[in-house]
Structures are given as C-alpha cells and as structure tokens.
Amino acid sequence: MDTEKVGKQIALLRKNKKLTQSELGERIGVSFQAVSKWERGETLPDVTLLPDLAKILETTIDFILLGGENITE
C-alpha cells in the first residue's frame, strides 16, 4: 500500500467535499494535524476510522486505500 497515494486520495476527496482538514478531523474525532499527516503520506488513518472516513467522503474504503486505483482481479 502506497501511503503517498492514499494521502493524495484523501486530500482530493476532502477538497471535492469542500471540507477543511479541521472540519474532516472534527467529524471523525481526530486533529487537523492527523489529517495533514495522512494527506502528506506520513501516516495512515487508524483502521477503526476508515468506515467513518469513507462515509464522510462518500466513497469506499478500498477506493481510499488503493489511492483511487481500480481493483483488479
């Protein structure tokens, strides 16, 4: 899993929803600094946050973790 791709995908989805890092962080219970670290590819969101993150960003967990790439069989 490419943390930079995941981070770019989170940033893109967040911006498409017109949310700030602070707003996204508040909605899932983390700091804006945590969101910033995800978006820079320094860390990944905790697995327990992924369902809420996907719901807020109106996407799937797979789409986030694959950095927007399609799943191949």
PDB file of N, CA and C in Angstrom:
ATOM      1  N   MET A   1       0.845  -1.176   0.000  1.00  0.00           N
ATOM      2  CA  MET A   1       0.000   0.000   0.000  1.00  0.00           C
ATOM      3  C   MET A   1       0.894   1.243   0.000  1.00  0.00           C
ATOM      4  N   ASP A   2       0.597   2.137  -0.885  1.00  0.00           N
ATOM      5  CA  ASP A   2       1.401   3.350  -1.058  1.00  0.00           C
ATOM      6  C   ASP A   2       0.774   4.476  -0.222  1.00  0.00           C
ATOM      7  N   THR A   3       1.437   4.843   0.872  1.00  0.00           N
ATOM      8  CA  THR A   3       0.877   5.855   1.775  1.00  0.00           C
ATOM      9  C   THR A   3       0.726   7.214   1.103  1.00  0.00           C
ATOM     10  N   GLU A   4       1.623   7.526   0.158  1.00  0.00           N
ATOM     11  CA  GLU A   4       1.504   8.814  -0.543  1.00  0.00           C
ATOM     12  C   GLU A   4       0.262   8.849  -1.423  1.00  0.00           C
ATOM     13  N   LYS A   5      -0.017   7.740  -2.120  1.00  0.00           N
ATOM     14  CA  LYS A   5      -1.224   7.677  -2.958  1.00  0.00           C
ATOM     15  C   LYS A   5      -2.479   7.772  -2.104  1.00  0.00           C
ATOM     16  N   VAL A   6      -2.468   7.067  -0.964  1.00  0.00           N
ATOM     17  CA  VAL A   6      -3.610   7.121  -0.050  1.00  0.00           C
ATOM     18  C   VAL A   6      -3.820   8.554   0.413  1.00  0.00           C
ATOM     19  N   GLY A   7      -2.751   9.209   0.799  1.00  0.00           N
ATOM     20  CA  GLY A   7      -2.834  10.593   1.264  1.00  0.00           C
ATOM     21  C   GLY A   7      -3.371  11.533   0.210  1.00  0.00           C
ATOM     22  N   LYS A   8      -2.890  11.389  -1.015  1.00  0.00           N
ATOM     23  CA  LYS A   8      -3.372  12.241  -2.104  1.00  0.00           C
ATOM     24  C   LYS A   8      -4.848  11.994  -2.367  1.00  0.00           C
ATOM     25  N   GLN A   9      -5.259  10.734  -2.252  1.00  0.00           N
ATOM     26  CA  GLN A   9      -6.666  10.398  -2.476  1.00  0.00           C
ATOM     27  C   GLN A   9      -7.541  11.023  -1.386  1.00  0.00           C
ATOM     28  N   ILE A  10      -7.117  10.940  -0.142  1.00  0.00           N
ATOM     29  CA  ILE A  10      -7.880  11.547   0.953  1.00  0.00           C
ATOM     30  C   ILE A  10      -7.988  13.054   0.734  1.00  0.00           C
ATOM     31  N   ALA A  11      -6.878  13.684   0.375  1.00  0.00           N
ATOM     32  CA  ALA A  11      -6.884  15.136   0.148  1.00  0.00           C
ATOM     33  C   ALA A  11      -7.827  15.502  -0.995  1.00  0.00           C
ATOM     34  N   LEU A  12      -7.771  14.762  -2.087  1.00  0.00           N
ATOM     35  CA  LEU A  12      -8.634  15.034  -3.235  1.00  0.00           C
ATOM     36  C   LEU A  12     -10.111  14.885  -2.870  1.00  0.00           C
ATOM     37  N   LEU A  13     -10.437  13.797  -2.201  1.00  0.00           N
ATOM     38  CA  LEU A  13     -11.829  13.564  -1.813  1.00  0.00           C
ATOM     39  C   LEU A  13     -12.314  14.628  -0.830  1.00  0.00           C
ATOM     40  N   ARG A  14     -11.441  14.999   0.122  1.00  0.00           N
ATOM     41  CA  ARG A  14     -11.808  16.025   1.110  1.00  0.00           C
ATOM     42  C   ARG A  14     -12.076  17.351   0.417  1.00  0.00           C
ATOM     43  N   LYS A  15     -11.203  17.732  -0.494  1.00  0.00           N
ATOM     44  CA  LYS A  15     -11.362  19.008  -1.199  1.00  0.00           C
ATOM     45  C   LYS A  15     -12.603  18.996  -2.081  1.00  0.00           C
ATOM     46  N   ASN A  16     -12.903  17.850  -2.695  1.00  0.00           N
ATOM     47  CA  ASN A  16     -14.118  17.741  -3.508  1.00  0.00           C
ATOM     48  C   ASN A  16     -15.383  17.928  -2.678  1.00  0.00           C
ATOM     49  N   LYS A  17     -15.313  17.567  -1.404  1.00  0.00           N
ATOM     50  CA  LYS A  17     -16.444  17.757  -0.488  1.00  0.00           C
ATOM     51  C   LYS A  17     -16.426  19.153   0.141  1.00  0.00           C
ATOM     52  N   LYS A  18     -15.430  19.951  -0.233  1.00  0.00           N
ATOM     53  CA  LYS A  18     -15.266  21.314   0.288  1.00  0.00           C
ATOM     54  C   LYS A  18     -15.135  21.338   1.817  1.00  0.00           C
ATOM     55  N   LEU A  19     -14.355  20.381   2.331  1.00  0.00           N
ATOM     56  CA  LEU A  19     -14.087  20.301   3.759  1.00  0.00           C
ATOM     57  C   LEU A  19     -12.655  20.737   4.023  1.00  0.00           C
ATOM     58  N   THR A  20     -12.432  21.422   5.130  1.00  0.00           N
ATOM     59  CA  THR A  20     -11.070  21.714   5.561  1.00  0.00           C
ATOM     60  C   THR A  20     -10.538  20.510   6.317  1.00  0.00           C
ATOM     61  N   GLN A  21      -9.236  20.502   6.551  1.00  0.00           N
ATOM     62  CA  GLN A  21      -8.656  19.434   7.361  1.00  0.00           C
ATOM     63  C   GLN A  21      -9.258  19.455   8.760  1.00  0.00           C
ATOM     64  N   SER A  22      -9.499  20.630   9.292  1.00  0.00           N
ATOM     65  CA  SER A  22     -10.098  20.750  10.624  1.00  0.00           C
ATOM     66  C   SER A  22     -11.510  20.187  10.653  1.00  0.00           C
ATOM     67  N   GLU A  23     -12.297  20.512   9.626  1.00  0.00           N
ATOM     68  CA  GLU A  23     -13.677  20.020   9.574  1.00  0.00           C
ATOM     69  C   GLU A  23     -13.721  18.498   9.468  1.00  0.00           C
ATOM     70  N   LEU A  24     -12.871  17.935   8.623  1.00  0.00           N
ATOM     71  CA  LEU A  24     -12.830  16.484   8.496  1.00  0.00           C
ATOM     72  C   LEU A  24     -12.385  15.851   9.809  1.00  0.00           C
ATOM     73  N   GLY A  25     -11.353  16.409  10.406  1.00  0.00           N
ATOM     74  CA  GLY A  25     -10.874  15.894  11.685  1.00  0.00           C
ATOM     75  C   GLY A  25     -11.942  15.912  12.761  1.00  0.00           C
ATOM     76  N   GLU A  26     -12.680  17.008  12.853  1.00  0.00           N
ATOM     77  CA  GLU A  26     -13.751  17.115  13.849  1.00  0.00           C
ATOM     78  C   GLU A  26     -14.814  16.053  13.629  1.00  0.00           C
ATOM     79  N   ARG A  27     -15.150  15.811  12.381  1.00  0.00           N
ATOM     80  CA  ARG A  27     -16.218  14.856  12.074  1.00  0.00           C
ATOM     81  C   ARG A  27     -15.842  13.413  12.399  1.00  0.00           C
ATOM     82  N   ILE A  28     -14.546  13.104  12.380  1.00  0.00           N
ATOM     83  CA  ILE A  28     -14.149  11.727  12.706  1.00  0.00           C
ATOM     84  C   ILE A  28     -13.389  11.606  14.022  1.00  0.00           C
ATOM     85  N   GLY A  29     -13.222  12.729  14.704  1.00  0.00           N
ATOM     86  CA  GLY A  29     -12.645  12.689  16.045  1.00  0.00           C
ATOM     87  C   GLY A  29     -11.136  12.665  16.109  1.00  0.00           C
ATOM     88  N   VAL A  30     -10.487  13.309  15.143  1.00  0.00           N
ATOM     89  CA  VAL A  30      -9.022  13.435  15.180  1.00  0.00           C
ATOM     90  C   VAL A  30      -8.647  14.898  14.958  1.00  0.00           C
ATOM     91  N   SER A  31      -7.400  15.227  15.191  1.00  0.00           N
ATOM     92  CA  SER A  31      -6.933  16.599  14.993  1.00  0.00           C
ATOM     93  C   SER A  31      -6.688  16.885  13.516  1.00  0.00           C
ATOM     94  N   PHE A  32      -6.640  18.170  13.178  1.00  0.00           N
ATOM     95  CA  PHE A  32      -6.315  18.531  11.801  1.00  0.00           C
ATOM     96  C   PHE A  32      -4.883  18.107  11.468  1.00  0.00           C
ATOM     97  N   GLN A  33      -4.037  18.027  12.496  1.00  0.00           N
ATOM     98  CA  GLN A  33      -2.660  17.591  12.269  1.00  0.00           C
ATOM     99  C   GLN A  33      -2.628  16.132  11.807  1.00  0.00           C
ATOM    100  N   ALA A  34      -3.515  15.308  12.369  1.00  0.00           N
ATOM    101  CA  ALA A  34      -3.586  13.906  11.953  1.00  0.00           C
ATOM    102  C   ALA A  34      -4.009  13.815  10.489  1.00  0.00           C
ATOM    103  N   VAL A  35      -5.020  14.599  10.118  1.00  0.00           N
ATOM    104  CA  VAL A  35      -5.472  14.618   8.725  1.00  0.00           C
ATOM    105  C   VAL A  35      -4.334  15.081   7.815  1.00  0.00           C
ATOM    106  N   SER A  36      -3.610  16.089   8.242  1.00  0.00           N
ATOM    107  CA  SER A  36      -2.479  16.591   7.466  1.00  0.00           C
ATOM    108  C   SER A  36      -1.422  15.509   7.266  1.00  0.00           C
ATOM    109  N   LYS A  37      -1.118  14.743   8.303  1.00  0.00           N
ATOM    110  CA  LYS A  37      -0.135  13.662   8.191  1.00  0.00           C
ATOM    111  C   LYS A  37      -0.605  12.592   7.214  1.00  0.00           C
ATOM    112  N   TRP A  38      -1.901  12.287   7.228  1.00  0.00           N
ATOM    113  CA  TRP A  38      -2.432  11.308   6.268  1.00  0.00           C
ATOM    114  C   TRP A  38      -2.214  11.829   4.857  1.00  0.00           C
ATOM    115  N   GLU A  39      -2.580  13.092   4.657  1.00  0.00           N
ATOM    116  CA  GLU A  39      -2.538  13.662   3.314  1.00  0.00           C
ATOM    117  C   GLU A  39      -1.116  13.811   2.784  1.00  0.00           C
ATOM    118  N   ARG A  40      -0.161  13.951   3.659  1.00  0.00           N
ATOM    119  CA  ARG A  40       1.241  14.030   3.241  1.00  0.00           C
ATOM    120  C   ARG A  40       1.872  12.652   3.097  1.00  0.00           C
ATOM    121  N   GLY A  41       1.132  11.613   3.425  1.00  0.00           N
ATOM    122  CA  GLY A  41       1.635  10.256   3.300  1.00  0.00           C
ATOM    123  C   GLY A  41       2.564   9.836   4.413  1.00  0.00           C
ATOM    124  N   GLU A  42       2.550  10.572   5.526  1.00  0.00           N
ATOM    125  CA  GLU A  42       3.409  10.231   6.660  1.00  0.00           C
ATOM    126  C   GLU A  42       2.833   9.092   7.485  1.00  0.00           C
ATOM    127  N   THR A  43       1.510   9.067   7.621  1.00  0.00           N
ATOM    128  CA  THR A  43       0.822   8.014   8.369  1.00  0.00           C
ATOM    129  C   THR A  43      -0.457   7.659   7.629  1.00  0.00           C
ATOM    130  N   LEU A  44      -1.067   6.569   8.065  1.00  0.00           N
ATOM    131  CA  LEU A  44      -2.367   6.159   7.530  1.00  0.00           C
ATOM    132  C   LEU A  44      -3.411   6.304   8.626  1.00  0.00           C
ATOM    133  N   PRO A  45      -4.668   6.497   8.243  1.00  0.00           N
ATOM    134  CA  PRO A  45      -5.719   6.554   9.257  1.00  0.00           C
ATOM    135  C   PRO A  45      -5.811   5.218   9.998  1.00  0.00           C
ATOM    136  N   ASP A  46      -6.168   5.278  11.251  1.00  0.00           N
ATOM    137  CA  ASP A  46      -6.391   4.067  12.024  1.00  0.00           C
ATOM    138  C   ASP A  46      -7.514   3.272  11.365  1.00  0.00           C
ATOM    139  N   VAL A  47      -7.369   1.970  11.372  1.00  0.00           N
ATOM    140  CA  VAL A  47      -8.347   1.104  10.712  1.00  0.00           C
ATOM    141  C   VAL A  47      -9.769   1.321  11.261  1.00  0.00           C
ATOM    142  N   THR A  48      -9.889   1.682  12.518  1.00  0.00           N
ATOM    143  CA  THR A  48     -11.215   1.893  13.105  1.00  0.00           C
ATOM    144  C   THR A  48     -11.896   3.153  12.567  1.00  0.00           C
ATOM    145  N   LEU A  49     -11.116   4.064  11.986  1.00  0.00           N
ATOM    146  CA  LEU A  49     -11.669   5.303  11.440  1.00  0.00           C
ATOM    147  C   LEU A  49     -12.106   5.175   9.983  1.00  0.00           C
ATOM    148  N   LEU A  50     -11.649   4.131   9.312  1.00  0.00           N
ATOM    149  CA  LEU A  50     -11.899   4.012   7.877  1.00  0.00           C
ATOM    150  C   LEU A  50     -13.379   3.981   7.489  1.00  0.00           C
ATOM    151  N   PRO A  51     -14.244   3.256   8.206  1.00  0.00           N
ATOM    152  CA  PRO A  51     -15.658   3.290   7.811  1.00  0.00           C
ATOM    153  C   PRO A  51     -16.261   4.696   7.869  1.00  0.00           C
ATOM    154  N   ASP A  52     -15.969   5.437   8.929  1.00  0.00           N
ATOM    155  CA  ASP A  52     -16.494   6.802   9.043  1.00  0.00           C
ATOM    156  C   ASP A  52     -15.876   7.721   7.997  1.00  0.00           C
ATOM    157  N   LEU A  53     -14.588   7.559   7.748  1.00  0.00           N
ATOM    158  CA  LEU A  53     -13.908   8.378   6.747  1.00  0.00           C
ATOM    159  C   LEU A  53     -14.524   8.144   5.365  1.00  0.00           C
ATOM    160  N   ALA A  54     -14.750   6.892   5.022  1.00  0.00           N
ATOM    161  CA  ALA A  54     -15.345   6.568   3.723  1.00  0.00           C
ATOM    162  C   ALA A  54     -16.760   7.131   3.619  1.00  0.00           C
ATOM    163  N   LYS A  55     -17.510   7.057   4.706  1.00  0.00           N
ATOM    164  CA  LYS A  55     -18.890   7.569   4.695  1.00  0.00           C
ATOM    165  C   LYS A  55     -18.894   9.081   4.495  1.00  0.00           C
ATOM    166  N   ILE A  56     -18.058   9.787   5.223  1.00  0.00           N
ATOM    167  CA  ILE A  56     -17.989  11.248   5.119  1.00  0.00           C
ATOM    168  C   ILE A  56     -17.556  11.673   3.719  1.00  0.00           C
ATOM    169  N   LEU A  57     -16.595  10.948   3.150  1.00  0.00           N
ATOM    170  CA  LEU A  57     -16.068  11.297   1.831  1.00  0.00           C
ATOM    171  C   LEU A  57     -16.894  10.676   0.692  1.00  0.00           C
ATOM    172  N   GLU A  58     -17.942   9.949   1.075  1.00  0.00           N
ATOM    173  CA  GLU A  58     -18.863   9.318   0.123  1.00  0.00           C
ATOM    174  C   GLU A  58     -18.139   8.444  -0.885  1.00  0.00           C
ATOM    175  N   THR A  59     -17.353   7.511  -0.357  1.00  0.00           N
ATOM    176  CA  THR A  59     -16.609   6.570  -1.185  1.00  0.00           C
ATOM    177  C   THR A  59     -16.490   5.260  -0.436  1.00  0.00           C
ATOM    178  N   THR A  60     -15.634   4.383  -0.924  1.00  0.00           N
ATOM    179  CA  THR A  60     -15.406   3.106  -0.241  1.00  0.00           C
ATOM    180  C   THR A  60     -14.022   3.097   0.400  1.00  0.00           C
ATOM    181  N   ILE A  61     -13.872   2.213   1.352  1.00  0.00           N
ATOM    182  CA  ILE A  61     -12.572   2.049   1.995  1.00  0.00           C
ATOM    183  C   ILE A  61     -11.532   1.621   0.963  1.00  0.00           C
ATOM    184  N   ASP A  62     -11.908   0.697   0.091  1.00  0.00           N
ATOM    185  CA  ASP A  62     -10.982   0.239  -0.952  1.00  0.00           C
ATOM    186  C   ASP A  62     -10.492   1.396  -1.810  1.00  0.00           C
ATOM    187  N   PHE A  63     -11.410   2.270  -2.209  1.00  0.00           N
ATOM    188  CA  PHE A  63     -11.039   3.390  -3.074  1.00  0.00           C
ATOM    189  C   PHE A  63     -10.039   4.297  -2.381  1.00  0.00           C
ATOM    190  N   ILE A  64     -10.206   4.496  -1.087  1.00  0.00           N
ATOM    191  CA  ILE A  64      -9.265   5.320  -0.323  1.00  0.00           C
ATOM    192  C   ILE A  64      -7.905   4.622  -0.239  1.00  0.00           C
ATOM    193  N   LEU A  65      -7.906   3.365   0.186  1.00  0.00           N
ATOM    194  CA  LEU A  65      -6.652   2.654   0.432  1.00  0.00           C
ATOM    195  C   LEU A  65      -5.887   2.307  -0.834  1.00  0.00           C
ATOM    196  N   LEU A  66      -6.577   2.222  -1.959  1.00  0.00           N
ATOM    197  CA  LEU A  66      -5.894   1.955  -3.222  1.00  0.00           C
ATOM    198  C   LEU A  66      -5.493   3.230  -3.932  1.00  0.00           C
ATOM    199  N   GLY A  67      -5.701   4.354  -3.286  1.00  0.00           N
ATOM    200  CA  GLY A  67      -5.303   5.636  -3.866  1.00  0.00           C
ATOM    201  C   GLY A  67      -6.057   5.964  -5.126  1.00  0.00           C
ATOM    202  N   GLY A  68      -7.306   5.490  -5.214  1.00  0.00           N
ATOM    203  CA  GLY A  68      -8.133   5.796  -6.369  1.00  0.00           C
ATOM    204  C   GLY A  68      -7.987   4.823  -7.523  1.00  0.00           C
ATOM    205  N   GLU A  69      -7.108   3.827  -7.349  1.00  0.00           N
ATOM    206  CA  GLU A  69      -6.931   2.834  -8.405  1.00  0.00           C
ATOM    207  C   GLU A  69      -8.053   1.806  -8.358  1.00  0.00           C
ATOM    208  N   ASN A  70      -8.376   1.248  -9.504  1.00  0.00           N
ATOM    209  CA  ASN A  70      -9.388   0.215  -9.574  1.00  0.00           C
ATOM    210  C   ASN A  70      -8.823  -1.102  -9.054  1.00  0.00           C
ATOM    211  N   ILE A  71      -9.720  -1.895  -8.487  1.00  0.00           N
ATOM    212  CA  ILE A  71      -9.335  -3.227  -8.018  1.00  0.00           C
ATOM    213  C   ILE A  71      -9.261  -4.135  -9.233  1.00  0.00           C
ATOM    214  N   THR A  72      -8.148  -4.849  -9.383  1.00  0.00           N
ATOM    215  CA  THR A  72      -8.028  -5.784 -10.493  1.00  0.00           C
ATOM    216  C   THR A  72      -8.172  -7.202  -9.972  1.00  0.00           C
ATOM    217  N   GLU A  73      -8.721  -8.033 -10.788  1.00  0.00           N
ATOM    218  CA  GLU A  73      -8.951  -9.413 -10.376  1.00  0.00           C
ATOM    219  C   GLU A  73      -7.778 -10.278 -10.735  1.00  0.00           C
TER     220      GLU A  73
END
